[in-house]
Amino acid sequence: MYNYYFIKTDTTSLQTPEIENYLRSFGVFDEEKGMFFCRKPFLDILLMNVTNPDSWSSRDYDSQETNYISIITSCFSDNDSLVINILQGLENLTGLTISSDC
């Protein structure tokens, strides 16, 4: 079972390079153009600049600006200390709260 979360901003955009550098600092992700994936613990993060937060795809990546971050975890990895640290750090970095998409 998976859990779906997101961070979004309607007013300002976030700096994609800053978020990417933060995620890279953990050294646990396979990455490709705004897609960060970790198998153990399971964590999938997509950085996007979307027109509509209710209708998006991984092709909405923008190398400079991000306004929507999609986060998927598994029930088993939700309580993993690495996942918790990464997600709390994303909240601190962006100044935004992670919301549930359930």
Protein backbone atom coordinates (compact mmCIF):
# COMPACT_ATOMS: atom_id res chain seq x y z
CA MET A 1 0.00 0.00 0.00
CA TYR A 2 1.20 3.49 -0.85
CA ASN A 3 0.69 6.90 0.68
CA TYR A 4 0.42 9.98 -1.51
CA TYR A 5 1.49 13.43 -0.36
CA PHE A 6 2.23 16.77 -1.99
CA ILE A 7 3.65 20.22 -1.45
CA LYS A 8 2.20 22.99 -3.57
CA THR A 9 2.38 26.73 -3.79
CA ASP A 10 -0.15 28.94 -5.53
CA THR A 11 1.64 32.23 -5.02
CA THR A 12 5.36 31.81 -5.65
CA SER A 13 7.50 29.22 -7.31
CA LEU A 14 10.30 27.34 -5.61
CA GLN A 15 13.81 27.12 -7.02
CA THR A 16 14.20 23.67 -8.61
CA PRO A 17 18.04 23.59 -8.37
CA GLU A 18 17.89 24.28 -4.62
CA ILE A 19 15.43 21.42 -4.03
CA GLU A 20 17.40 19.06 -6.28
CA ASN A 21 20.65 19.83 -4.45
CA TYR A 22 18.92 19.20 -1.13
CA LEU A 23 17.63 15.80 -2.29
CA ARG A 24 21.01 14.87 -3.81
CA SER A 25 22.72 15.60 -0.48
CA PHE A 26 21.22 12.40 0.95
CA GLY A 27 22.96 10.22 -1.64
CA VAL A 28 20.14 7.66 -1.72
CA PHE A 29 18.20 8.59 -4.85
CA ASP A 30 18.24 7.40 -8.42
CA GLU A 31 17.31 10.52 -10.36
CA GLU A 32 16.18 11.71 -13.75
CA LYS A 33 14.91 15.23 -14.61
CA GLY A 34 13.07 16.09 -11.42
CA MET A 35 12.29 12.47 -10.49
CA PHE A 36 13.95 11.16 -7.33
CA PHE A 37 13.45 7.51 -6.43
CA CYS A 38 14.69 5.41 -3.51
CA ARG A 39 13.86 1.71 -3.17
CA LYS A 40 14.79 1.17 0.49
CA PRO A 41 13.16 2.92 2.17
CA PHE A 42 10.62 3.47 -0.61
CA LEU A 43 10.32 7.14 -1.51
CA ASP A 44 9.36 8.66 -4.86
CA ILE A 45 9.53 12.45 -5.29
CA LEU A 46 8.60 14.41 -8.45
CA LEU A 47 9.39 18.09 -8.88
CA MET A 48 7.06 19.87 -11.29
CA ASN A 49 5.86 23.25 -12.47
CA VAL A 50 2.19 22.55 -13.14
CA THR A 51 -0.60 24.63 -14.62
CA ASN A 52 -3.25 22.67 -12.75
CA PRO A 53 -2.40 20.81 -9.51
CA ASP A 54 -5.30 18.42 -10.15
CA SER A 55 -4.01 17.37 -13.58
CA TRP A 56 -0.27 16.89 -14.04
CA SER A 57 2.37 14.47 -15.26
CA SER A 58 6.09 13.93 -14.82
CA ARG A 59 6.56 15.86 -18.09
CA ASP A 60 5.71 19.06 -16.17
CA TYR A 61 9.31 19.29 -14.96
CA ASP A 62 10.96 22.72 -15.14
CA SER A 63 14.69 22.95 -14.42
CA GLN A 64 14.33 26.40 -12.82
CA GLU A 65 10.94 26.62 -11.08
CA THR A 66 8.81 24.17 -9.12
CA ASN A 67 5.32 24.79 -7.77
CA TYR A 68 4.23 21.21 -7.03
CA ILE A 69 6.10 18.34 -5.40
CA SER A 70 4.51 14.91 -5.53
CA ILE A 71 5.63 12.46 -2.83
CA ILE A 72 4.84 8.74 -2.67
CA THR A 73 5.88 6.49 0.19
CA SER A 74 4.96 2.98 1.21
CA CYS A 75 3.22 2.22 4.49
CA PHE A 76 6.45 0.49 5.56
CA SER A 77 8.68 3.49 4.85
CA ASP A 78 6.46 6.22 6.32
CA ASN A 79 8.05 5.82 9.75
CA ASP A 80 11.61 5.34 8.51
CA SER A 81 13.91 7.98 10.02
CA LEU A 82 15.50 8.78 6.65
CA VAL A 83 12.10 9.42 5.04
CA ILE A 84 10.99 11.52 8.00
CA ASN A 85 14.20 13.59 7.85
CA ILE A 86 13.92 14.14 4.09
CA LEU A 87 10.26 15.20 4.29
CA GLN A 88 10.78 17.47 7.30
CA GLY A 89 13.73 19.03 5.50
CA LEU A 90 11.57 19.64 2.41
CA GLU A 91 9.04 21.45 4.60
CA ASN A 92 11.80 23.57 6.15
CA LEU A 93 13.42 24.30 2.78
CA THR A 94 10.18 25.28 1.05
CA GLY A 95 8.44 26.87 4.05
CA LEU A 96 5.35 24.85 3.05
CA THR A 97 3.49 21.99 4.69
CA ILE A 98 3.25 18.52 3.24
CA SER A 99 -0.40 17.60 2.63
CA SER A 100 -1.99 14.21 2.19
CA ASP A 101 -3.55 13.34 -1.15
CA CYS A 102 -5.91 10.77 0.34
